N, C-alpha and C. Protein backbone atom coordinates (compact mmCIF):
# COMPACT_ATOMS: atom_id res chain seq x y z
N MET A 1 103.46 149.95 145.50
CA MET A 1 102.56 149.23 144.03
C MET A 1 102.38 148.61 144.69
N GLY A 2 100.59 147.58 144.16
CA GLY A 2 100.74 146.28 144.80
C GLY A 2 101.33 145.36 144.06
N ARG A 3 100.81 143.92 144.49
CA ARG A 3 101.60 142.75 143.83
C ARG A 3 100.17 142.27 143.07
N VAL A 4 101.69 142.32 141.80
CA VAL A 4 100.72 141.55 140.63
C VAL A 4 100.69 139.82 140.67
N THR A 5 98.90 139.47 140.62
CA THR A 5 98.33 137.97 140.52
C THR A 5 99.10 137.20 139.49
N PRO A 6 99.51 136.39 139.59
CA PRO A 6 100.22 135.61 138.44
C PRO A 6 99.26 134.98 137.42
N THR A 7 99.10 134.55 136.66
CA THR A 7 98.53 134.09 135.63
C THR A 7 98.94 132.70 135.60
N ALA A 8 97.70 131.78 135.63
CA ALA A 8 97.69 130.77 135.78
C ALA A 8 97.26 130.17 134.28
N THR A 9 97.67 129.31 133.39
CA THR A 9 97.68 129.12 132.34
C THR A 9 97.64 127.03 132.05
N VAL A 10 97.44 126.69 133.42
CA VAL A 10 97.19 124.93 133.48
C VAL A 10 95.53 125.28 134.56
N LEU A 11 94.86 125.36 133.93
CA LEU A 11 93.33 125.15 134.69
C LEU A 11 92.75 123.98 134.68
N LEU A 12 92.47 123.57 136.21
CA LEU A 12 91.53 122.64 136.43
C LEU A 12 90.18 122.68 136.98
N VAL A 13 89.48 121.70 135.81
CA VAL A 13 87.62 122.39 136.13
C VAL A 13 87.12 121.14 137.11
N PHE A 14 86.83 121.27 137.80
CA PHE A 14 85.80 120.00 138.59
C PHE A 14 84.44 120.44 139.09
N GLY A 15 83.81 119.13 138.14
CA GLY A 15 82.38 118.83 137.64
C GLY A 15 81.70 118.65 138.89
N ARG A 16 80.62 118.62 138.77
CA ARG A 16 79.02 119.34 140.28
C ARG A 16 78.01 118.67 139.38
N GLY A 17 78.14 117.62 138.88
CA GLY A 17 77.25 117.23 138.67
C GLY A 17 76.75 116.69 136.87
N VAL A 18 76.06 115.55 136.82
CA VAL A 18 75.19 115.28 135.57
C VAL A 18 74.25 114.31 135.70
N VAL A 19 73.22 115.24 135.03
CA VAL A 19 71.47 114.68 135.29
C VAL A 19 71.50 114.00 134.15
N ALA A 20 70.15 113.00 134.24
CA ALA A 20 69.76 112.05 132.79
C ALA A 20 68.23 112.65 132.26
N GLY A 21 67.84 112.57 131.59
CA GLY A 21 66.90 112.81 131.12
C GLY A 21 66.45 112.39 129.70
N ASP A 22 65.09 112.33 129.31
CA ASP A 22 64.06 112.10 128.37
C ASP A 22 65.27 112.25 126.75
N ASP A 23 65.93 113.49 126.92
CA ASP A 23 67.21 113.81 125.59
C ASP A 23 68.43 113.93 125.73
N GLY A 24 68.41 112.56 127.13
CA GLY A 24 70.51 112.73 127.08
C GLY A 24 70.60 113.03 128.27
N TYR A 25 72.18 112.62 128.32
CA TYR A 25 72.30 113.73 129.74
C TYR A 25 72.97 115.00 129.38
N ARG A 26 73.18 115.79 130.91
CA ARG A 26 72.70 117.08 130.50
C ARG A 26 74.13 117.38 131.52
N LEU A 27 75.04 118.34 131.69
CA LEU A 27 75.67 119.19 132.87
C LEU A 27 74.51 119.12 133.76
N THR A 28 74.85 119.76 134.83
CA THR A 28 73.87 120.51 136.16
C THR A 28 74.36 122.30 135.58
N ALA A 29 73.49 122.92 136.18
CA ALA A 29 73.42 124.12 136.45
C ALA A 29 75.04 124.30 137.03
N GLU A 30 75.28 123.77 137.64
CA GLU A 30 76.71 124.05 138.66
C GLU A 30 77.48 123.35 137.59
N SER A 31 77.88 122.81 136.96
CA SER A 31 78.51 122.36 136.58
C SER A 31 78.91 122.57 135.41
N ALA A 32 77.97 123.58 134.46
CA ALA A 32 77.72 124.79 133.25
C ALA A 32 78.31 125.94 134.06
N ALA A 33 78.11 126.10 135.31
CA ALA A 33 78.26 126.98 135.57
C ALA A 33 80.19 127.29 135.74
N ARG A 34 80.75 126.09 136.23
CA ARG A 34 81.96 125.92 136.57
C ARG A 34 82.96 125.91 134.78
N VAL A 35 82.27 125.66 134.03
CA VAL A 35 82.80 125.66 132.73
C VAL A 35 83.01 127.02 132.41
N ARG A 36 81.98 127.97 132.58
CA ARG A 36 81.94 129.53 132.01
C ARG A 36 82.53 130.11 133.07
N ALA A 37 83.34 129.61 134.07
CA ALA A 37 84.29 130.57 134.70
C ALA A 37 85.24 130.17 133.52
N ALA A 38 85.78 129.08 134.02
CA ALA A 38 86.74 128.36 133.07
C ALA A 38 87.13 129.51 132.00
N VAL A 39 85.87 129.25 130.80
CA VAL A 39 85.99 130.42 129.64
C VAL A 39 86.59 132.06 130.00
N GLU A 40 85.70 132.65 130.96
CA GLU A 40 85.54 133.56 131.28
C GLU A 40 87.28 133.81 131.55
N TYR A 41 87.88 133.41 133.16
CA TYR A 41 89.23 133.33 132.84
C TYR A 41 90.53 133.12 131.84
N VAL A 42 90.37 131.91 131.14
CA VAL A 42 91.25 132.40 130.06
C VAL A 42 90.54 133.40 129.19
N HIS A 43 89.41 133.48 129.03
CA HIS A 43 89.08 135.45 127.78
C HIS A 43 89.91 136.18 128.62
N ALA A 44 89.81 136.34 130.35
CA ALA A 44 90.42 137.55 130.70
C ALA A 44 91.65 137.53 130.57
N HIS A 45 92.61 136.33 130.73
CA HIS A 45 93.81 136.15 130.25
C HIS A 45 94.34 135.40 128.60
N ALA A 46 93.87 136.24 128.19
CA ALA A 46 93.83 135.35 126.01
C ALA A 46 95.28 135.42 125.96
N THR A 47 95.68 136.52 126.29
CA THR A 47 97.43 137.21 125.66
C THR A 47 98.50 135.46 126.67
N GLU A 48 98.55 135.52 127.56
CA GLU A 48 98.86 135.05 128.35
C GLU A 48 98.94 133.26 128.15
N PHE A 49 98.13 132.74 127.81
CA PHE A 49 97.62 131.90 127.13
C PHE A 49 98.01 131.53 125.70
N ARG A 50 97.40 132.24 124.73
CA ARG A 50 98.08 131.96 123.76
C ARG A 50 99.86 132.20 123.40
N ARG A 51 100.38 133.00 124.40
CA ARG A 51 101.73 132.63 124.52
C ARG A 51 102.13 131.28 124.92
N ALA A 52 101.54 130.54 126.40
CA ALA A 52 101.99 129.70 127.17
C ALA A 52 102.36 128.54 126.72
N ALA A 53 103.78 128.41 126.54
CA ALA A 53 104.47 126.65 126.12
C ALA A 53 102.72 125.68 126.91
N GLY A 54 102.32 124.81 126.66
CA GLY A 54 101.42 124.04 127.42
C GLY A 54 100.16 124.06 128.34
N ALA A 55 99.57 125.74 127.77
CA ALA A 55 98.57 125.94 128.66
C ALA A 55 97.47 124.94 127.83
N ARG A 56 97.06 124.40 128.84
CA ARG A 56 95.42 123.58 129.05
C ARG A 56 94.64 124.04 129.48
N VAL A 57 93.01 123.66 129.77
CA VAL A 57 92.12 123.25 130.39
C VAL A 57 91.56 121.57 130.76
N VAL A 58 92.34 121.45 132.20
CA VAL A 58 91.54 119.82 132.00
C VAL A 58 90.34 119.76 132.87
N PHE A 59 89.00 118.80 132.34
CA PHE A 59 87.81 118.81 132.74
C PHE A 59 88.02 117.64 132.88
N THR A 60 87.43 117.75 134.31
CA THR A 60 87.09 116.29 135.20
C THR A 60 85.79 116.12 136.01
N GLY A 61 85.78 114.75 135.67
CA GLY A 61 84.48 114.30 135.95
C GLY A 61 83.98 113.05 135.50
N GLY A 62 83.27 111.92 136.00
CA GLY A 62 82.70 110.63 135.60
C GLY A 62 81.33 111.05 135.89
N TRP A 63 80.73 110.23 136.30
CA TRP A 63 79.23 110.37 137.09
C TRP A 63 79.40 109.93 138.56
N PRO A 64 79.42 111.62 138.77
CA PRO A 64 79.91 111.49 140.84
C PRO A 64 78.05 111.59 141.27
N HIS A 65 77.14 111.46 139.94
CA HIS A 65 75.50 111.03 141.42
C HIS A 65 75.36 109.89 140.63
N GLY A 66 75.84 108.99 140.25
CA GLY A 66 75.50 107.82 139.54
C GLY A 66 75.90 106.52 141.32
N PRO A 67 75.09 105.49 141.40
CA PRO A 67 75.49 104.78 142.43
C PRO A 67 76.38 103.87 142.10
N ALA A 68 77.24 103.39 142.97
CA ALA A 68 78.59 102.63 142.70
C ALA A 68 78.16 101.41 142.14
N GLY A 69 79.06 101.18 140.94
CA GLY A 69 78.85 100.17 140.44
C GLY A 69 77.61 99.84 139.56
N ALA A 70 77.12 100.84 139.67
CA ALA A 70 76.34 101.09 138.41
C ALA A 70 76.42 101.20 137.07
N ALA A 71 75.85 101.32 136.00
CA ALA A 71 76.19 101.40 134.38
C ALA A 71 76.28 103.09 134.38
N GLY A 72 76.93 103.72 134.35
CA GLY A 72 77.37 105.09 134.11
C GLY A 72 76.62 105.44 132.44
N PRO A 73 76.91 106.93 132.09
CA PRO A 73 76.36 107.48 130.83
C PRO A 73 77.66 107.14 129.49
N PRO A 74 76.56 106.81 128.55
CA PRO A 74 77.84 106.17 127.05
C PRO A 74 78.92 107.46 127.08
N ALA A 75 79.91 106.37 126.14
CA ALA A 75 81.16 107.81 125.66
C ALA A 75 80.24 108.97 125.13
N GLY A 76 80.57 110.05 125.49
CA GLY A 76 80.57 111.31 125.07
C GLY A 76 79.55 111.63 126.42
N SER A 77 79.07 111.04 126.85
CA SER A 77 78.06 111.99 127.71
C SER A 77 78.47 111.87 129.41
N ARG A 78 79.77 111.80 129.73
CA ARG A 78 80.11 111.94 130.55
C ARG A 78 80.36 113.03 130.76
N GLU A 79 80.55 113.76 132.68
CA GLU A 79 81.01 114.42 133.11
C GLU A 79 82.18 115.15 131.90
N GLY A 80 82.80 114.66 132.47
CA GLY A 80 83.91 115.68 132.03
C GLY A 80 83.88 115.86 130.33
N GLU A 81 83.88 115.02 129.77
CA GLU A 81 83.34 115.34 128.26
C GLU A 81 82.06 116.21 127.71
N LEU A 82 81.21 116.34 128.58
CA LEU A 82 80.06 117.37 128.47
C LEU A 82 80.53 118.76 129.10
N MET A 83 81.51 118.65 129.60
CA MET A 83 81.93 120.40 130.06
C MET A 83 82.86 120.10 129.43
N LEU A 84 83.70 119.56 128.62
CA LEU A 84 85.02 120.27 127.44
C LEU A 84 84.04 120.38 126.05
N ALA A 85 83.25 119.39 125.81
CA ALA A 85 81.88 119.93 124.62
C ALA A 85 81.63 121.67 125.10
N LEU A 86 81.02 121.88 125.99
CA LEU A 86 80.41 123.18 126.21
C LEU A 86 81.79 124.15 125.86
N ALA A 87 82.90 124.44 126.56
CA ALA A 87 83.70 124.33 126.54
C ALA A 87 84.22 124.93 124.93
N ARG A 88 84.35 123.85 124.67
CA ARG A 88 84.71 124.18 123.09
C ARG A 88 84.05 124.78 122.07
N ALA A 89 82.71 124.24 122.34
CA ALA A 89 81.57 125.37 121.99
C ALA A 89 81.81 127.39 121.81
N ALA A 90 81.97 127.13 123.35
CA ALA A 90 82.46 128.50 123.77
C ALA A 90 83.74 129.38 122.80
N GLY A 91 84.40 128.65 122.24
CA GLY A 91 85.45 128.59 121.65
C GLY A 91 87.32 128.20 122.33
N LEU A 92 86.74 127.61 123.70
CA LEU A 92 88.22 127.74 124.35
C LEU A 92 89.31 127.04 123.64
N ASP A 93 89.26 126.24 122.91
CA ASP A 93 89.96 125.12 122.25
C ASP A 93 91.09 126.61 121.28
N GLY A 94 90.56 127.83 121.13
CA GLY A 94 91.90 128.44 120.07
C GLY A 94 92.77 129.23 121.29
N TYR A 95 92.75 128.91 122.27
CA TYR A 95 93.79 129.38 123.13
C TYR A 95 94.21 128.18 123.89
N ALA A 96 94.08 126.90 124.62
CA ALA A 96 94.61 126.34 124.89
C ALA A 96 93.77 124.82 124.27
N ARG A 97 94.85 124.14 125.01
CA ARG A 97 94.24 122.68 125.00
C ARG A 97 93.47 121.80 125.55
N LEU A 98 92.59 121.46 124.97
CA LEU A 98 91.42 120.85 125.92
C LEU A 98 91.48 119.38 126.31
N HIS A 99 91.42 119.00 127.80
CA HIS A 99 91.20 117.34 128.32
C HIS A 99 89.76 117.35 128.80
N ALA A 100 89.72 116.12 129.06
CA ALA A 100 88.62 115.33 129.71
C ALA A 100 89.42 114.09 130.41
N GLU A 101 88.85 114.61 131.67
CA GLU A 101 89.09 113.07 132.67
C GLU A 101 87.92 111.99 133.06
N THR A 102 87.36 111.27 132.55
CA THR A 102 86.45 110.72 132.70
C THR A 102 85.59 109.57 133.68
N ARG A 103 86.87 108.95 135.07
CA ARG A 103 86.54 108.36 135.64
C ARG A 103 85.91 108.15 137.04
N SER A 104 86.26 109.27 137.53
CA SER A 104 85.77 109.89 138.97
C SER A 104 84.38 110.41 138.80
N ARG A 105 84.46 109.90 140.83
CA ARG A 105 83.26 109.91 141.15
C ARG A 105 83.45 110.89 142.45
N THR A 106 84.21 111.28 142.72
CA THR A 106 84.89 112.11 143.94
C THR A 106 85.82 112.87 143.72
N THR A 107 85.94 114.36 145.27
CA THR A 107 87.22 114.77 144.35
C THR A 107 88.65 114.40 144.93
N LEU A 108 89.12 113.62 145.38
CA LEU A 108 90.23 113.20 145.41
C LEU A 108 90.32 112.41 144.47
N GLN A 109 89.05 110.94 143.59
CA GLN A 109 89.50 110.99 142.37
C GLN A 109 89.38 111.51 141.42
N ASN A 110 89.11 113.06 141.21
CA ASN A 110 89.19 113.89 140.16
C ASN A 110 90.61 114.44 140.57
N LEU A 111 91.23 114.82 141.46
CA LEU A 111 93.11 115.16 141.63
C LEU A 111 93.68 113.55 141.28
N ALA A 112 93.63 112.33 141.88
CA ALA A 112 94.57 111.40 141.45
C ALA A 112 93.68 110.77 140.15
N HIS A 113 93.12 110.51 139.67
CA HIS A 113 93.03 110.21 138.28
C HIS A 113 93.36 111.25 137.24
N THR A 114 93.58 112.68 137.01
CA THR A 114 93.88 113.29 137.22
C THR A 114 95.46 112.91 136.27
N VAL A 115 96.17 112.84 137.80
CA VAL A 115 97.61 112.52 137.39
C VAL A 115 97.63 111.59 136.97
N GLN A 116 97.25 110.10 137.59
CA GLN A 116 97.54 108.79 136.56
C GLN A 116 97.38 109.26 134.85
N ASP A 117 96.34 110.00 134.66
CA ASP A 117 96.20 110.03 133.06
C ASP A 117 97.03 110.77 132.44
N GLY A 118 98.20 111.55 133.15
CA GLY A 118 99.60 112.51 132.93
C GLY A 118 98.44 113.83 132.22
N LEU A 119 97.52 114.27 133.00
CA LEU A 119 97.20 115.16 132.11
C LEU A 119 97.73 116.70 133.06
N LEU A 120 98.42 116.32 133.69
CA LEU A 120 98.96 117.59 134.36
C LEU A 120 100.76 117.69 134.43
N ALA A 121 101.02 116.43 133.56
CA ALA A 121 102.20 116.63 133.38
C ALA A 121 102.69 117.52 132.60
N GLY A 122 104.00 118.12 132.98
CA GLY A 122 105.39 119.03 131.84
C GLY A 122 105.39 120.18 132.68
N PRO A 123 104.49 121.01 132.79
CA PRO A 123 104.61 122.20 133.43
C PRO A 123 105.25 122.00 134.98
N VAL A 124 105.96 122.85 135.21
CA VAL A 124 106.77 123.22 136.85
C VAL A 124 105.70 124.20 137.71
N TYR A 125 104.95 123.48 138.61
CA TYR A 125 104.30 124.96 139.11
C TYR A 125 104.69 125.51 139.83
N THR A 126 104.44 126.52 140.29
CA THR A 126 105.81 127.34 141.15
C THR A 126 104.64 128.83 141.44
N PRO A 127 104.99 129.51 142.49
CA PRO A 127 103.68 130.91 142.85
C PRO A 127 103.98 131.60 141.38
N ALA A 128 105.11 131.71 140.43
CA ALA A 128 105.05 132.76 139.14
C ALA A 128 104.59 132.25 138.27
N ARG A 129 103.63 130.58 138.17
CA ARG A 129 103.37 129.88 136.98
C ARG A 129 102.43 128.47 138.08
N PRO A 130 101.02 129.34 138.37
CA PRO A 130 100.36 128.44 139.71
C PRO A 130 99.46 127.21 138.93
N LEU A 131 99.27 126.36 138.89
CA LEU A 131 97.78 125.90 139.01
C LEU A 131 96.97 126.27 139.38
N GLY A 132 96.37 127.14 138.51
CA GLY A 132 94.18 127.05 138.44
C GLY A 132 93.08 125.96 138.88
N LEU A 133 92.69 126.25 139.84
CA LEU A 133 91.79 125.04 140.25
C LEU A 133 90.33 126.07 140.32
N VAL A 134 89.63 125.64 139.56
CA VAL A 134 87.85 125.84 139.30
C VAL A 134 86.85 125.49 139.54
N SER A 135 86.42 126.00 140.61
CA SER A 135 85.23 125.75 141.16
C SER A 135 84.31 126.36 142.30
N HIS A 136 83.83 126.05 142.88
CA HIS A 136 82.57 127.09 143.75
C HIS A 136 83.25 127.19 145.09
N PRO A 137 83.10 128.25 145.51
CA PRO A 137 84.24 128.75 146.69
C PRO A 137 83.87 127.96 147.49
N TRP A 138 83.19 127.54 148.46
CA TRP A 138 83.07 126.32 149.37
C TRP A 138 84.04 125.22 149.07
N HIS A 139 84.26 125.16 148.06
CA HIS A 139 84.76 123.91 147.51
C HIS A 139 86.02 123.74 147.56
N LEU A 140 86.50 124.93 146.86
CA LEU A 140 88.04 125.51 146.70
C LEU A 140 88.69 124.40 148.02
N PRO A 141 88.72 125.29 149.48
CA PRO A 141 89.07 124.60 150.67
C PRO A 141 89.35 122.98 150.76
N ARG A 142 88.38 122.22 150.33
CA ARG A 142 89.25 121.12 149.87
C ARG A 142 89.76 120.55 149.34
N ILE A 143 89.70 121.37 148.24
CA ILE A 143 90.18 120.42 146.50
C ILE A 143 91.69 121.32 147.18
N ARG A 144 92.35 122.31 147.50
CA ARG A 144 93.67 122.62 148.13
C ARG A 144 94.07 121.41 149.30
N PHE A 145 92.98 121.85 150.31
CA PHE A 145 93.85 120.21 150.93
C PHE A 145 94.15 118.91 150.35
N LEU A 146 93.21 118.47 149.17
CA LEU A 146 93.78 116.90 149.07
C LEU A 146 94.66 117.21 147.35
N ALA A 147 94.87 118.46 146.47
CA ALA A 147 96.10 118.82 145.94
C ALA A 147 97.29 119.13 146.82
N GLY A 148 97.25 118.92 148.00
CA GLY A 148 98.50 119.06 148.58
C GLY A 148 98.95 117.16 148.61
N LYS A 149 98.46 116.76 148.93
CA LYS A 149 98.56 114.96 149.21
C LYS A 149 98.40 114.84 148.09
N VAL A 150 98.16 114.87 146.97
CA VAL A 150 98.40 114.12 145.56
C VAL A 150 98.94 114.30 144.93
N LEU A 151 99.35 115.77 144.68
CA LEU A 151 100.22 116.80 143.62
C LEU A 151 101.36 117.14 144.49
N GLY A 152 101.16 117.89 145.98
CA GLY A 152 102.53 117.92 146.35
C GLY A 152 102.42 119.53 146.31
N LEU A 153 101.37 119.90 146.04
CA LEU A 153 101.47 121.62 145.64
C LEU A 153 100.48 122.04 146.88
N THR A 154 101.40 123.43 147.37
CA THR A 154 100.37 123.94 148.38
C THR A 154 100.58 125.80 148.37
N GLY A 155 99.77 125.91 148.83
CA GLY A 155 100.03 128.02 148.84
C GLY A 155 99.84 128.36 147.77
N ALA A 156 100.95 129.21 147.50
CA ALA A 156 100.91 129.93 146.09
C ALA A 156 100.95 129.17 145.17
N THR A 157 101.66 127.61 145.03
CA THR A 157 101.71 127.10 143.12
C THR A 157 100.26 126.57 143.37
N LEU A 158 98.74 127.12 143.81
CA LEU A 158 97.99 126.45 143.57
C LEU A 158 96.97 128.16 143.41
N LEU A 159 95.76 128.24 142.59
CA LEU A 159 95.50 129.46 142.35
C LEU A 159 93.77 129.04 142.60
N ASP A 160 93.13 130.07 143.31
CA ASP A 160 91.82 129.90 142.95
C ASP A 160 91.54 130.15 142.04
N VAL A 161 90.19 129.43 141.43
CA VAL A 161 89.54 130.35 140.54
C VAL A 161 87.89 129.69 140.42
N PRO A 162 87.47 130.86 142.01
CA PRO A 162 86.40 130.69 141.85
C PRO A 162 85.31 131.02 141.02
N VAL A 163 84.19 130.45 141.18
CA VAL A 163 83.08 130.48 140.58
C VAL A 163 81.98 131.30 141.33
N ALA A 164 81.17 132.49 140.48
CA ALA A 164 80.65 133.22 140.97
C ALA A 164 79.31 132.39 140.69
N GLY A 165 77.95 133.68 141.60
CA GLY A 165 76.65 132.43 141.25
C GLY A 165 76.51 131.71 142.86
N PRO A 166 75.16 131.30 142.68
CA PRO A 166 74.80 130.48 144.01
C PRO A 166 75.04 128.95 144.06
N ASP A 167 75.34 128.36 144.98
CA ASP A 167 75.78 126.93 144.84
C ASP A 167 75.53 126.26 146.07
N PRO A 168 74.39 126.21 146.28
CA PRO A 168 74.20 126.17 148.46
C PRO A 168 74.42 124.49 148.66
N VAL A 169 75.03 124.70 149.21
CA VAL A 169 76.21 123.81 150.25
C VAL A 169 75.89 123.93 151.73
N PRO A 170 75.34 123.31 152.55
CA PRO A 170 75.56 123.14 153.32
C PRO A 170 76.81 123.30 154.60
N ALA A 171 76.90 124.57 155.23
CA ALA A 171 78.75 124.66 155.44
C ALA A 171 78.62 123.98 156.38
N ARG A 172 77.71 122.85 157.50
CA ARG A 172 78.16 122.16 158.40
C ARG A 172 78.36 120.94 157.93
N ARG A 173 77.73 120.45 156.05
CA ARG A 173 77.89 119.57 155.60
C ARG A 173 79.75 119.22 155.09
N GLU A 174 79.78 120.70 154.82
CA GLU A 174 81.05 120.73 154.05
C GLU A 174 82.31 120.99 154.59
N ARG A 175 81.91 121.66 156.39
CA ARG A 175 83.12 121.57 157.01
C ARG A 175 83.08 120.42 157.51
N ALA A 176 81.95 119.46 157.50
CA ALA A 176 82.58 118.10 158.25
C ALA A 176 83.19 117.01 157.32
N ALA A 177 82.90 117.14 155.55
CA ALA A 177 84.12 116.64 154.57
C ALA A 177 85.26 117.10 154.55
N ARG A 178 85.31 118.37 154.95
CA ARG A 178 86.88 118.77 155.40
C ARG A 178 87.49 117.91 156.32
N ALA A 179 86.78 117.96 157.76
CA ALA A 179 87.52 117.14 158.80
C ALA A 179 88.15 115.84 158.47
N ALA A 180 86.29 114.63 157.74
CA ALA A 180 86.82 113.75 157.46
C ALA A 180 88.32 113.75 156.66
N SER A 181 88.51 114.27 155.47
CA SER A 181 89.43 114.16 154.89
C SER A 181 90.97 114.28 155.81
N ARG A 182 91.27 115.02 156.52
CA ARG A 182 92.05 115.33 156.84
C ARG A 182 92.35 114.39 158.28
N LEU A 183 91.12 113.63 158.41
CA LEU A 183 91.56 112.41 159.49
C LEU A 183 92.30 111.25 158.99
N CYS A 184 91.00 110.89 157.46
CA CYS A 184 91.17 109.34 157.37
C CYS A 184 92.32 109.23 156.17
N TYR A 185 92.99 110.51 155.58
CA TYR A 185 94.23 110.69 154.66
C TYR A 185 95.50 110.79 155.14
N LEU A 186 95.37 111.17 156.16
CA LEU A 186 97.02 111.20 157.37
C LEU A 186 97.77 110.63 157.10
N GLY A 187 99.17 111.13 156.15
CA GLY A 187 100.19 110.51 156.48
C GLY A 187 99.74 109.61 154.97
N LEU A 188 98.82 109.69 154.18
CA LEU A 188 99.15 109.31 152.96
C LEU A 188 99.91 110.63 152.10
N ARG A 189 100.25 109.87 151.04
CA ARG A 189 100.83 110.67 150.00
C ARG A 189 100.88 110.29 148.56
N THR A 190 100.59 109.60 148.00
CA THR A 190 100.25 109.47 146.70
C THR A 190 99.05 109.13 146.09
N PRO A 191 98.53 109.04 144.98
CA PRO A 191 97.62 109.11 144.42
C PRO A 191 96.43 107.63 144.23
N GLU A 192 97.86 106.65 144.46
CA GLU A 192 97.31 105.57 144.79
C GLU A 192 97.51 104.46 146.16
N THR A 193 98.04 105.41 147.46
CA THR A 193 96.99 105.30 148.45
C THR A 193 96.39 105.75 149.14
N LEU A 194 96.16 106.74 148.74
CA LEU A 194 94.84 107.57 148.50
C LEU A 194 93.37 107.16 148.78
N LEU A 195 93.78 106.53 147.22
CA LEU A 195 92.52 105.88 146.62
C LEU A 195 92.36 104.35 147.41
N ARG A 196 93.39 103.82 147.13
CA ARG A 196 93.18 102.61 148.02
C ARG A 196 92.49 102.98 149.81
N ARG A 197 93.00 103.89 150.12
CA ARG A 197 91.68 104.68 151.32
C ARG A 197 90.54 104.44 151.53
N GLU A 198 90.14 105.75 150.17
CA GLU A 198 88.73 106.06 149.76
C GLU A 198 88.38 104.34 149.42
N ARG A 199 88.58 103.43 149.26
CA ARG A 199 87.56 102.48 148.69
C ARG A 199 87.36 101.72 149.85
N HIS A 200 88.30 101.03 150.25
CA HIS A 200 88.64 100.86 151.70
C HIS A 200 87.39 101.35 153.03
N LEU A 201 87.39 102.63 152.56
CA LEU A 201 86.40 103.78 153.95
C LEU A 201 84.79 103.51 152.98
N ALA A 202 84.58 103.62 151.53
CA ALA A 202 83.66 103.39 151.06
C ALA A 202 82.87 101.70 151.41
N ARG A 203 84.41 100.99 150.99
CA ARG A 203 83.05 99.34 151.42
C ARG A 203 82.72 99.33 152.89
N SER A 204 83.42 100.24 153.53
CA SER A 204 83.10 100.22 155.39
C SER A 204 82.13 100.94 155.76
N ALA A 205 81.66 101.75 154.75
CA ALA A 205 80.51 102.21 155.08
C ALA A 205 79.32 101.69 155.10
N GLU A 206 79.53 100.81 153.40
CA GLU A 206 78.55 100.63 152.93
C GLU A 206 78.13 99.43 153.91
N ARG A 207 79.39 98.61 154.61
CA ARG A 207 78.31 98.05 155.15
C ARG A 207 78.16 97.87 156.60
N LEU A 208 78.13 99.75 157.08
CA LEU A 208 77.39 99.46 158.06
C LEU A 208 75.94 100.10 157.85
N ALA A 209 75.67 100.70 156.44
CA ALA A 209 74.42 100.83 155.95
C ALA A 209 73.59 99.90 156.05
N ALA A 210 74.00 99.19 155.25
CA ALA A 210 73.24 97.55 155.45
C ALA A 210 73.70 97.20 156.49
N LEU A 211 74.33 97.24 158.05
CA LEU A 211 73.48 96.74 158.90
C LEU A 211 72.37 97.13 159.98
N PHE A 212 72.80 98.63 159.44
CA PHE A 212 71.38 99.49 159.56
C PHE A 212 69.81 98.90 159.18
N ARG A 213 70.21 98.89 157.45
CA ARG A 213 68.74 98.35 157.26
C ARG A 213 68.31 97.01 157.90
N ARG A 214 69.06 96.37 157.85
CA ARG A 214 68.56 94.56 158.36
C ARG A 214 67.29 95.03 159.14
């Protein structure tokens, strides 16, 4: 008899961009695909979600493609809010509580700010009751690494909910991002220290870029 895959009744959905147009702000096709993946997963496990205490779906993202220091979209138009609105339009709030984290610009911030805002608090995540991670397959290994740092969750306490469909990201670039994460965050274990290190690295990169522009 085959092993039964547990159901994650708490999902963390990672954004993939917001774009501005003449008619306001909208999700990229990739962000919308991640919302659809969450909706499909919940519908496929509707009974478990309706029965579970604390079932929720958390959408995380602010304005990832905006320049640092620039004003972001107005209230209601940030990435997490737009994803939540799309999920609500699909009826997802009939199965789980929906929440949005809207400050983040990076994957590390997605996780750290979600923890700081208390959006994952309550359930104890175990192999029998894992935390679901919703993103494209190329992104999930880096999310898992950072989730180990920020949440202390590894292995079967995390459940991948991969998004079907194309999202072309150069494999070499993503491998470099994973390697940089492992090197730069070595020995750090709390959201606060991880975010401080990320800010320091960003400032260093900005200073280096300014030198090359001279």
